[in-house]
Amino acid sequence: MIDQFPNLTQFFSSYFHQDWPLEAETASDVVNNYRSSEPPESIEATSEELSKLLEMPIFEPDLETFILDELGCYYDPKSENQTVREWLESVQQSLTNLS
């Protein structure tokens, strides 16, 4: 399934890597860093892949495993009292509001 999401893999593994807290104070800051440093077509492709992922019927534990383990994300939304789905939806919102 990871092959379906090359842009998400790049986003999570490159921006939410193991040391991301050294580069940003919050997860929202990381998303903003991504938006300000990547070309619009990459952001759009990532957003489209995230929409596709969120439309899939994946239970929360499986979604958590997929994002944290398979896509290389080192951010745990539970640290801010969010489910993985809630956090991904907020990331999606940030990626689509490109103003």
PDB file of N, CA and C in Angstrom:
ATOM      1  N   MET A   1       0.819  -1.193   0.000  1.00  0.00           N
ATOM      2  CA  MET A   1       0.000   0.000   0.000  1.00  0.00           C
ATOM      3  C   MET A   1       0.866   1.262   0.000  1.00  0.00           C
ATOM      4  N   ILE A   2       2.048   1.193   0.546  1.00  0.00           N
ATOM      5  CA  ILE A   2       2.931   2.359   0.613  1.00  0.00           C
ATOM      6  C   ILE A   2       3.249   2.914  -0.777  1.00  0.00           C
ATOM      7  N   ASP A   3       3.270   2.054  -1.797  1.00  0.00           N
ATOM      8  CA  ASP A   3       3.566   2.484  -3.159  1.00  0.00           C
ATOM      9  C   ASP A   3       2.507   3.430  -3.712  1.00  0.00           C
ATOM     10  N   GLN A   4       1.321   3.416  -3.132  1.00  0.00           N
ATOM     11  CA  GLN A   4       0.242   4.295  -3.566  1.00  0.00           C
ATOM     12  C   GLN A   4       0.443   5.733  -3.091  1.00  0.00           C
ATOM     13  N   PHE A   5       1.383   5.944  -2.161  1.00  0.00           N
ATOM     14  CA  PHE A   5       1.520   7.242  -1.515  1.00  0.00           C
ATOM     15  C   PHE A   5       2.962   7.763  -1.520  1.00  0.00           C
ATOM     16  N   PRO A   6       3.570   7.922  -2.686  1.00  0.00           N
ATOM     17  CA  PRO A   6       4.966   8.372  -2.706  1.00  0.00           C
ATOM     18  C   PRO A   6       5.153   9.783  -2.146  1.00  0.00           C
ATOM     19  N   ASN A   7       4.201  10.669  -2.395  1.00  0.00           N
ATOM     20  CA  ASN A   7       4.326  12.038  -1.891  1.00  0.00           C
ATOM     21  C   ASN A   7       4.119  12.107  -0.386  1.00  0.00           C
ATOM     22  N   LEU A   8       3.181  11.321   0.125  1.00  0.00           N
ATOM     23  CA  LEU A   8       2.984  11.272   1.578  1.00  0.00           C
ATOM     24  C   LEU A   8       4.209  10.675   2.262  1.00  0.00           C
ATOM     25  N   THR A   9       4.785   9.664   1.650  1.00  0.00           N
ATOM     26  CA  THR A   9       5.991   9.060   2.210  1.00  0.00           C
ATOM     27  C   THR A   9       7.102  10.091   2.290  1.00  0.00           C
ATOM     28  N   GLN A  10       7.280  10.857   1.220  1.00  0.00           N
ATOM     29  CA  GLN A  10       8.307  11.896   1.212  1.00  0.00           C
ATOM     30  C   GLN A  10       8.002  12.956   2.268  1.00  0.00           C
ATOM     31  N   PHE A  11       6.758  13.381   2.354  1.00  0.00           N
ATOM     32  CA  PHE A  11       6.345  14.390   3.333  1.00  0.00           C
ATOM     33  C   PHE A  11       6.620  13.926   4.760  1.00  0.00           C
ATOM     34  N   PHE A  12       6.100  12.767   5.120  1.00  0.00           N
ATOM     35  CA  PHE A  12       6.245  12.301   6.497  1.00  0.00           C
ATOM     36  C   PHE A  12       7.693  11.950   6.843  1.00  0.00           C
ATOM     37  N   SER A  13       8.368  11.253   5.961  1.00  0.00           N
ATOM     38  CA  SER A  13       9.732  10.828   6.294  1.00  0.00           C
ATOM     39  C   SER A  13      10.738  11.975   6.238  1.00  0.00           C
ATOM     40  N   SER A  14      10.467  12.985   5.421  1.00  0.00           N
ATOM     41  CA  SER A  14      11.396  14.111   5.308  1.00  0.00           C
ATOM     42  C   SER A  14      11.106  15.249   6.280  1.00  0.00           C
ATOM     43  N   TYR A  15       9.850  15.452   6.597  1.00  0.00           N
ATOM     44  CA  TYR A  15       9.494  16.584   7.455  1.00  0.00           C
ATOM     45  C   TYR A  15       9.148  16.170   8.882  1.00  0.00           C
ATOM     46  N   PHE A  16       8.630  14.982   9.067  1.00  0.00           N
ATOM     47  CA  PHE A  16       8.337  14.472  10.411  1.00  0.00           C
ATOM     48  C   PHE A  16       9.313  13.353  10.763  1.00  0.00           C
ATOM     49  N   HIS A  17      10.573  13.561  10.408  1.00  0.00           N
ATOM     50  CA  HIS A  17      11.626  12.586  10.688  1.00  0.00           C
ATOM     51  C   HIS A  17      11.910  12.558  12.194  1.00  0.00           C
ATOM     52  N   GLN A  18      12.799  11.714  12.585  1.00  0.00           N
ATOM     53  CA  GLN A  18      13.091  11.473  14.000  1.00  0.00           C
ATOM     54  C   GLN A  18      13.479  12.744  14.758  1.00  0.00           C
ATOM     55  N   ASP A  19      14.148  13.672  14.113  1.00  0.00           N
ATOM     56  CA  ASP A  19      14.611  14.888  14.785  1.00  0.00           C
ATOM     57  C   ASP A  19      13.773  16.124  14.473  1.00  0.00           C
ATOM     58  N   TRP A  20      12.553  15.944  14.005  1.00  0.00           N
ATOM     59  CA  TRP A  20      11.755  17.104  13.622  1.00  0.00           C
ATOM     60  C   TRP A  20      11.594  18.124  14.751  1.00  0.00           C
ATOM     61  N   PRO A  21      11.538  17.727  16.030  1.00  0.00           N
ATOM     62  CA  PRO A  21      11.395  18.744  17.079  1.00  0.00           C
ATOM     63  C   PRO A  21      12.583  19.706  17.181  1.00  0.00           C
ATOM     64  N   LEU A  22      13.702  19.345  16.575  1.00  0.00           N
ATOM     65  CA  LEU A  22      14.841  20.256  16.561  1.00  0.00           C
ATOM     66  C   LEU A  22      14.673  21.351  15.509  1.00  0.00           C
ATOM     67  N   GLU A  23      13.761  21.136  14.574  1.00  0.00           N
ATOM     68  CA  GLU A  23      13.561  22.066  13.464  1.00  0.00           C
ATOM     69  C   GLU A  23      12.281  22.886  13.576  1.00  0.00           C
ATOM     70  N   ALA A  24      11.371  22.459  14.433  1.00  0.00           N
ATOM     71  CA  ALA A  24      10.095  23.152  14.574  1.00  0.00           C
ATOM     72  C   ALA A  24       9.553  22.916  15.979  1.00  0.00           C
ATOM     73  N   GLU A  25       8.781  23.887  16.446  1.00  0.00           N
ATOM     74  CA  GLU A  25       8.215  23.757  17.796  1.00  0.00           C
ATOM     75  C   GLU A  25       6.975  22.880  17.832  1.00  0.00           C
ATOM     76  N   THR A  26       6.178  22.938  16.770  1.00  0.00           N
ATOM     77  CA  THR A  26       4.930  22.184  16.746  1.00  0.00           C
ATOM     78  C   THR A  26       4.785  21.445  15.412  1.00  0.00           C
ATOM     79  N   ALA A  27       3.855  20.513  15.400  1.00  0.00           N
ATOM     80  CA  ALA A  27       3.556  19.799  14.158  1.00  0.00           C
ATOM     81  C   ALA A  27       3.006  20.758  13.109  1.00  0.00           C
ATOM     82  N   SER A  28       2.246  21.743  13.534  1.00  0.00           N
ATOM     83  CA  SER A  28       1.729  22.744  12.595  1.00  0.00           C
ATOM     84  C   SER A  28       2.862  23.526  11.948  1.00  0.00           C
ATOM     85  N   ASP A  29       3.896  23.809  12.719  1.00  0.00           N
ATOM     86  CA  ASP A  29       5.062  24.496  12.165  1.00  0.00           C
ATOM     87  C   ASP A  29       5.731  23.651  11.085  1.00  0.00           C
ATOM     88  N   VAL A  30       5.763  22.351  11.294  1.00  0.00           N
ATOM     89  CA  VAL A  30       6.365  21.453  10.304  1.00  0.00           C
ATOM     90  C   VAL A  30       5.573  21.518   8.999  1.00  0.00           C
ATOM     91  N   VAL A  31       4.253  21.482   9.111  1.00  0.00           N
ATOM     92  CA  VAL A  31       3.411  21.558   7.915  1.00  0.00           C
ATOM     93  C   VAL A  31       3.636  22.898   7.212  1.00  0.00           C
ATOM     94  N   ASN A  32       3.723  23.967   7.978  1.00  0.00           N
ATOM     95  CA  ASN A  32       3.986  25.283   7.383  1.00  0.00           C
ATOM     96  C   ASN A  32       5.351  25.326   6.713  1.00  0.00           C
ATOM     97  N   ASN A  33       6.354  24.688   7.322  1.00  0.00           N
ATOM     98  CA  ASN A  33       7.681  24.611   6.698  1.00  0.00           C
ATOM     99  C   ASN A  33       7.607  23.880   5.362  1.00  0.00           C
ATOM    100  N   TYR A  34       6.845  22.808   5.338  1.00  0.00           N
ATOM    101  CA  TYR A  34       6.653  22.050   4.101  1.00  0.00           C
ATOM    102  C   TYR A  34       6.010  22.936   3.037  1.00  0.00           C
ATOM    103  N   ARG A  35       4.956  23.614   3.425  1.00  0.00           N
ATOM    104  CA  ARG A  35       4.237  24.476   2.476  1.00  0.00           C
ATOM    105  C   ARG A  35       5.120  25.586   1.928  1.00  0.00           C
ATOM    106  N   SER A  36       6.012  26.103   2.751  1.00  0.00           N
ATOM    107  CA  SER A  36       6.837  27.216   2.301  1.00  0.00           C
ATOM    108  C   SER A  36       8.089  26.785   1.529  1.00  0.00           C
ATOM    109  N   SER A  37       8.428  25.498   1.588  1.00  0.00           N
ATOM    110  CA  SER A  37       9.660  25.070   0.935  1.00  0.00           C
ATOM    111  C   SER A  37       9.456  24.154  -0.271  1.00  0.00           C
ATOM    112  N   GLU A  38       8.274  23.637  -0.452  1.00  0.00           N
ATOM    113  CA  GLU A  38       8.028  22.726  -1.571  1.00  0.00           C
ATOM    114  C   GLU A  38       7.231  23.428  -2.678  1.00  0.00           C
ATOM    115  N   PRO A  39       7.412  22.986  -3.919  1.00  0.00           N
ATOM    116  CA  PRO A  39       6.649  23.583  -5.019  1.00  0.00           C
ATOM    117  C   PRO A  39       5.157  23.256  -4.903  1.00  0.00           C
ATOM    118  N   PRO A  40       4.324  24.153  -5.406  1.00  0.00           N
ATOM    119  CA  PRO A  40       2.867  23.948  -5.306  1.00  0.00           C
ATOM    120  C   PRO A  40       2.400  22.600  -5.842  1.00  0.00           C
ATOM    121  N   GLU A  41       3.019  22.110  -6.910  1.00  0.00           N
ATOM    122  CA  GLU A  41       2.561  20.827  -7.463  1.00  0.00           C
ATOM    123  C   GLU A  41       2.860  19.662  -6.516  1.00  0.00           C
ATOM    124  N   SER A  42       3.920  19.745  -5.751  1.00  0.00           N
ATOM    125  CA  SER A  42       4.218  18.704  -4.755  1.00  0.00           C
ATOM    126  C   SER A  42       3.216  18.758  -3.607  1.00  0.00           C
ATOM    127  N   ILE A  43       2.899  19.956  -3.175  1.00  0.00           N
ATOM    128  CA  ILE A  43       1.926  20.127  -2.097  1.00  0.00           C
ATOM    129  C   ILE A  43       0.562  19.604  -2.542  1.00  0.00           C
ATOM    130  N   GLU A  44       0.184  19.930  -3.768  1.00  0.00           N
ATOM    131  CA  GLU A  44      -1.096  19.454  -4.296  1.00  0.00           C
ATOM    132  C   GLU A  44      -1.123  17.931  -4.395  1.00  0.00           C
ATOM    133  N   ALA A  45      -0.040  17.331  -4.856  1.00  0.00           N
ATOM    134  CA  ALA A  45       0.029  15.868  -4.967  1.00  0.00           C
ATOM    135  C   ALA A  45      -0.047  15.211  -3.588  1.00  0.00           C
ATOM    136  N   THR A  46       0.620  15.803  -2.614  1.00  0.00           N
ATOM    137  CA  THR A  46       0.567  15.285  -1.247  1.00  0.00           C
ATOM    138  C   THR A  46      -0.847  15.397  -0.698  1.00  0.00           C
ATOM    139  N   SER A  47      -1.476  16.516  -0.934  1.00  0.00           N
ATOM    140  CA  SER A  47      -2.850  16.731  -0.482  1.00  0.00           C
ATOM    141  C   SER A  47      -3.802  15.716  -1.114  1.00  0.00           C
ATOM    142  N   GLU A  48      -3.618  15.463  -2.401  1.00  0.00           N
ATOM    143  CA  GLU A  48      -4.470  14.484  -3.086  1.00  0.00           C
ATOM    144  C   GLU A  48      -4.275  13.084  -2.514  1.00  0.00           C
ATOM    145  N   GLU A  49      -3.036  12.726  -2.241  1.00  0.00           N
ATOM    146  CA  GLU A  49      -2.773  11.412  -1.654  1.00  0.00           C
ATOM    147  C   GLU A  49      -3.357  11.318  -0.246  1.00  0.00           C
ATOM    148  N   LEU A  50      -3.273  12.394   0.508  1.00  0.00           N
ATOM    149  CA  LEU A  50      -3.839  12.396   1.852  1.00  0.00           C
ATOM    150  C   LEU A  50      -5.353  12.256   1.787  1.00  0.00           C
ATOM    151  N   SER A  51      -5.990  12.920   0.841  1.00  0.00           N
ATOM    152  CA  SER A  51      -7.442  12.764   0.651  1.00  0.00           C
ATOM    153  C   SER A  51      -7.788  11.308   0.345  1.00  0.00           C
ATOM    154  N   LYS A  52      -7.003  10.721  -0.536  1.00  0.00           N
ATOM    155  CA  LYS A  52      -7.217   9.311  -0.898  1.00  0.00           C
ATOM    156  C   LYS A  52      -7.085   8.415   0.331  1.00  0.00           C
ATOM    157  N   LEU A  53      -6.063   8.656   1.128  1.00  0.00           N
ATOM    158  CA  LEU A  53      -5.852   7.863   2.340  1.00  0.00           C
ATOM    159  C   LEU A  53      -7.019   8.028   3.315  1.00  0.00           C
ATOM    160  N   LEU A  54      -7.463   9.261   3.507  1.00  0.00           N
ATOM    161  CA  LEU A  54      -8.555   9.517   4.459  1.00  0.00           C
ATOM    162  C   LEU A  54      -9.889   8.931   4.000  1.00  0.00           C
ATOM    163  N   GLU A  55     -10.039   8.725   2.701  1.00  0.00           N
ATOM    164  CA  GLU A  55     -11.268   8.130   2.173  1.00  0.00           C
ATOM    165  C   GLU A  55     -11.293   6.611   2.329  1.00  0.00           C
ATOM    166  N   MET A  56     -10.146   6.028   2.581  1.00  0.00           N
ATOM    167  CA  MET A  56     -10.069   4.576   2.707  1.00  0.00           C
ATOM    168  C   MET A  56     -10.657   4.131   4.052  1.00  0.00           C
ATOM    169  N   PRO A  57     -11.343   2.986   4.053  1.00  0.00           N
ATOM    170  CA  PRO A  57     -11.925   2.487   5.304  1.00  0.00           C
ATOM    171  C   PRO A  57     -10.876   1.796   6.181  1.00  0.00           C
ATOM    172  N   ILE A  58     -10.058   2.605   6.841  1.00  0.00           N
ATOM    173  CA  ILE A  58      -8.985   2.071   7.682  1.00  0.00           C
ATOM    174  C   ILE A  58      -9.305   2.387   9.134  1.00  0.00           C
ATOM    175  N   PHE A  59      -9.303   1.379   9.980  1.00  0.00           N
ATOM    176  CA  PHE A  59      -9.545   1.587  11.402  1.00  0.00           C
ATOM    177  C   PHE A  59      -8.375   2.338  12.030  1.00  0.00           C
ATOM    178  N   GLU A  60      -8.655   3.083  13.074  1.00  0.00           N
ATOM    179  CA  GLU A  60      -7.665   3.950  13.715  1.00  0.00           C
ATOM    180  C   GLU A  60      -6.353   3.239  14.065  1.00  0.00           C
ATOM    181  N   PRO A  61      -6.385   2.068  14.694  1.00  0.00           N
ATOM    182  CA  PRO A  61      -5.098   1.421  15.018  1.00  0.00           C
ATOM    183  C   PRO A  61      -4.271   1.106  13.767  1.00  0.00           C
ATOM    184  N   ASP A  62      -4.941   0.697  12.698  1.00  0.00           N
ATOM    185  CA  ASP A  62      -4.232   0.390  11.460  1.00  0.00           C
ATOM    186  C   ASP A  62      -3.713   1.664  10.798  1.00  0.00           C
ATOM    187  N   LEU A  63      -4.482   2.730  10.876  1.00  0.00           N
ATOM    188  CA  LEU A  63      -4.049   4.016  10.332  1.00  0.00           C
ATOM    189  C   LEU A  63      -2.834   4.520  11.086  1.00  0.00           C
ATOM    190  N   GLU A  64      -2.857   4.386  12.382  1.00  0.00           N
ATOM    191  CA  GLU A  64      -1.722   4.799  13.214  1.00  0.00           C
ATOM    192  C   GLU A  64      -0.463   4.014  12.830  1.00  0.00           C
ATOM    193  N   THR A  65      -0.589   2.717  12.696  1.00  0.00           N
ATOM    194  CA  THR A  65       0.547   1.874  12.320  1.00  0.00           C
ATOM    195  C   THR A  65       1.072   2.254  10.948  1.00  0.00           C
ATOM    196  N   PHE A  66       0.169   2.487  10.017  1.00  0.00           N
ATOM    197  CA  PHE A  66       0.575   2.827   8.658  1.00  0.00           C
ATOM    198  C   PHE A  66       1.339   4.145   8.630  1.00  0.00           C
ATOM    199  N   ILE A  67       0.816   5.170   9.283  1.00  0.00           N
ATOM    200  CA  ILE A  67       1.444   6.492   9.266  1.00  0.00           C
ATOM    201  C   ILE A  67       2.763   6.475  10.042  1.00  0.00           C
ATOM    202  N   LEU A  68       2.729   5.931  11.233  1.00  0.00           N
ATOM    203  CA  LEU A  68       3.902   5.992  12.095  1.00  0.00           C
ATOM    204  C   LEU A  68       4.996   5.014  11.680  1.00  0.00           C
ATOM    205  N   ASP A  69       4.620   3.850  11.222  1.00  0.00           N
ATOM    206  CA  ASP A  69       5.619   2.830  10.907  1.00  0.00           C
ATOM    207  C   ASP A  69       5.975   2.776   9.420  1.00  0.00           C
ATOM    208  N   GLU A  70       4.977   2.693   8.569  1.00  0.00           N
ATOM    209  CA  GLU A  70       5.258   2.480   7.151  1.00  0.00           C
ATOM    210  C   GLU A  70       5.631   3.762   6.410  1.00  0.00           C
ATOM    211  N   LEU A  71       5.039   4.890   6.788  1.00  0.00           N
ATOM    212  CA  LEU A  71       5.350   6.135   6.082  1.00  0.00           C
ATOM    213  C   LEU A  71       6.468   6.930   6.749  1.00  0.00           C
ATOM    214  N   GLY A  72       6.951   6.451   7.871  1.00  0.00           N
ATOM    215  CA  GLY A  72       8.117   7.071   8.502  1.00  0.00           C
ATOM    216  C   GLY A  72       7.842   8.342   9.275  1.00  0.00           C
ATOM    217  N   CYS A  73       6.671   8.479   9.810  1.00  0.00           N
ATOM    218  CA  CYS A  73       6.312   9.670  10.580  1.00  0.00           C
ATOM    219  C   CYS A  73       6.684   9.482  12.050  1.00  0.00           C
ATOM    220  N   TYR A  74       7.399  10.452  12.597  1.00  0.00           N
ATOM    221  CA  TYR A  74       7.807  10.385  13.997  1.00  0.00           C
ATOM    222  C   TYR A  74       7.037  11.362  14.868  1.00  0.00           C
ATOM    223  N   TYR A  75       5.839  11.694  14.462  1.00  0.00           N
ATOM    224  CA  TYR A  75       4.975  12.540  15.283  1.00  0.00           C
ATOM    225  C   TYR A  75       3.809  11.683  15.740  1.00  0.00           C
ATOM    226  N   ASP A  76       3.497  11.754  17.017  1.00  0.00           N
ATOM    227  CA  ASP A  76       2.369  11.010  17.563  1.00  0.00           C
ATOM    228  C   ASP A  76       1.286  12.004  17.973  1.00  0.00           C
ATOM    229  N   PRO A  77       0.198  12.062  17.231  1.00  0.00           N
ATOM    230  CA  PRO A  77      -0.870  13.014  17.527  1.00  0.00           C
ATOM    231  C   PRO A  77      -1.492  12.853  18.915  1.00  0.00           C
ATOM    232  N   LYS A  78      -1.342  11.676  19.489  1.00  0.00           N
ATOM    233  CA  LYS A  78      -1.885  11.469  20.836  1.00  0.00           C
ATOM    234  C   LYS A  78      -1.229  12.399  21.850  1.00  0.00           C
ATOM    235  N   SER A  79      -0.034  12.877  21.532  1.00  0.00           N
ATOM    236  CA  SER A  79       0.654  13.809  22.435  1.00  0.00           C
ATOM    237  C   SER A  79      -0.107  15.129  22.571  1.00  0.00           C
ATOM    238  N   GLU A  80      -0.995  15.400  21.615  1.00  0.00           N
ATOM    239  CA  GLU A  80      -1.827  16.605  21.668  1.00  0.00           C
ATOM    240  C   GLU A  80      -3.308  16.240  21.698  1.00  0.00           C
ATOM    241  N   ASN A  81      -3.591  15.065  22.233  1.00  0.00           N
ATOM    242  CA  ASN A  81      -4.959  14.581  22.419  1.00  0.00           C
ATOM    243  C   ASN A  81      -5.767  14.536  21.131  1.00  0.00           C
ATOM    244  N   GLN A  82      -5.127  14.102  20.066  1.00  0.00           N
ATOM    245  CA  GLN A  82      -5.811  13.900  18.795  1.00  0.00           C
ATOM    246  C   GLN A  82      -5.619  12.464  18.349  1.00  0.00           C
ATOM    247  N   THR A  83      -6.605  11.971  17.615  1.00  0.00           N
ATOM    248  CA  THR A  83      -6.410  10.686  16.962  1.00  0.00           C
ATOM    249  C   THR A  83      -5.576  10.940  15.706  1.00  0.00           C
ATOM    250  N   VAL A  84      -5.055   9.883  15.139  1.00  0.00           N
ATOM    251  CA  VAL A  84      -4.290  10.026  13.903  1.00  0.00           C
ATOM    252  C   VAL A  84      -5.198  10.601  12.810  1.00  0.00           C
ATOM    253  N   ARG A  85      -6.414  10.113  12.730  1.00  0.00           N
ATOM    254  CA  ARG A  85      -7.351  10.604  11.705  1.00  0.00           C
ATOM    255  C   ARG A  85      -7.634  12.093  11.899  1.00  0.00           C
ATOM    256  N   GLU A  86      -7.872  12.517  13.129  1.00  0.00           N
ATOM    257  CA  GLU A  86      -8.125  13.941  13.388  1.00  0.00           C
ATOM    258  C   GLU A  86      -6.926  14.787  12.964  1.00  0.00           C
ATOM    259  N   TRP A  87      -5.737  14.315  13.300  1.00  0.00           N
ATOM    260  CA  TRP A  87      -4.537  15.056  12.936  1.00  0.00           C
ATOM    261  C   TRP A  87      -4.361  15.115  11.421  1.00  0.00           C
ATOM    262  N   LEU A  88      -4.565  13.973  10.759  1.00  0.00           N
ATOM    263  CA  LEU A  88      -4.432  13.952   9.300  1.00  0.00           C
ATOM    264  C   LEU A  88      -5.445  14.885   8.638  1.00  0.00           C
ATOM    265  N   GLU A  89      -6.641  14.938   9.191  1.00  0.00           N
ATOM    266  CA  GLU A  89      -7.649  15.861   8.667  1.00  0.00           C
ATOM    267  C   GLU A  89      -7.204  17.310   8.834  1.00  0.00           C
ATOM    268  N   SER A  90      -6.554  17.628   9.960  1.00  0.00           N
ATOM    269  CA  SER A  90      -6.064  19.000  10.158  1.00  0.00           C
ATOM    270  C   SER A  90      -4.893  19.292   9.211  1.00  0.00           C
ATOM    271  N   VAL A  91      -4.039  18.301   8.957  1.00  0.00           N
ATOM    272  CA  VAL A  91      -2.958  18.471   7.987  1.00  0.00           C
ATOM    273  C   VAL A  91      -3.564  18.715   6.606  1.00  0.00           C
ATOM    274  N   GLN A  92      -4.564  17.932   6.267  1.00  0.00           N
ATOM    275  CA  GLN A  92      -5.246  18.081   4.980  1.00  0.00           C
ATOM    276  C   GLN A  92      -5.799  19.498   4.846  1.00  0.00           C
ATOM    277  N   GLN A  93      -6.412  19.986   5.883  1.00  0.00           N
ATOM    278  CA  GLN A  93      -6.965  21.350   5.880  1.00  0.00           C
ATOM    279  C   GLN A  93      -5.855  22.367   5.636  1.00  0.00           C
ATOM    280  N   SER A  94      -4.728  22.196   6.289  1.00  0.00           N
ATOM    281  CA  SER A  94      -3.592  23.110   6.127  1.00  0.00           C
ATOM    282  C   SER A  94      -3.017  23.054   4.719  1.00  0.00           C
ATOM    283  N   LEU A  95      -2.991  21.883   4.131  1.00  0.00           N
ATOM    284  CA  LEU A  95      -2.433  21.748   2.792  1.00  0.00           C
ATOM    285  C   LEU A  95      -3.362  22.326   1.734  1.00  0.00           C
ATOM    286  N   THR A  96      -4.653  22.298   1.963  1.00  0.00           N
ATOM    287  CA  THR A  96      -5.587  22.802   0.967  1.00  0.00           C
ATOM    288  C   THR A  96      -5.829  24.294   1.098  1.00  0.00           C
ATOM    289  N   ASN A  97      -5.513  24.871   2.243  1.00  0.00           N
ATOM    290  CA  ASN A  97      -5.644  26.319   2.442  1.00  0.00           C
ATOM    291  C   ASN A  97      -4.314  26.986   2.127  1.00  0.00           C
ATOM    292  N   LEU A  98      -4.036  27.123   0.860  1.00  0.00           N
ATOM    293  CA  LEU A  98      -2.730  27.594   0.416  1.00  0.00           C
ATOM    294  C   LEU A  98      -2.639  29.123   0.302  1.00  0.00           C
ATOM    295  N   SER A  99      -3.451  29.821   1.009  1.00  0.00           N
ATOM    296  CA  SER A  99      -3.404  31.284   0.917  1.00  0.00           C
ATOM    297  C   SER A  99      -2.241  31.855   1.690  1.00  0.00           C
TER     298      SER A  99
END
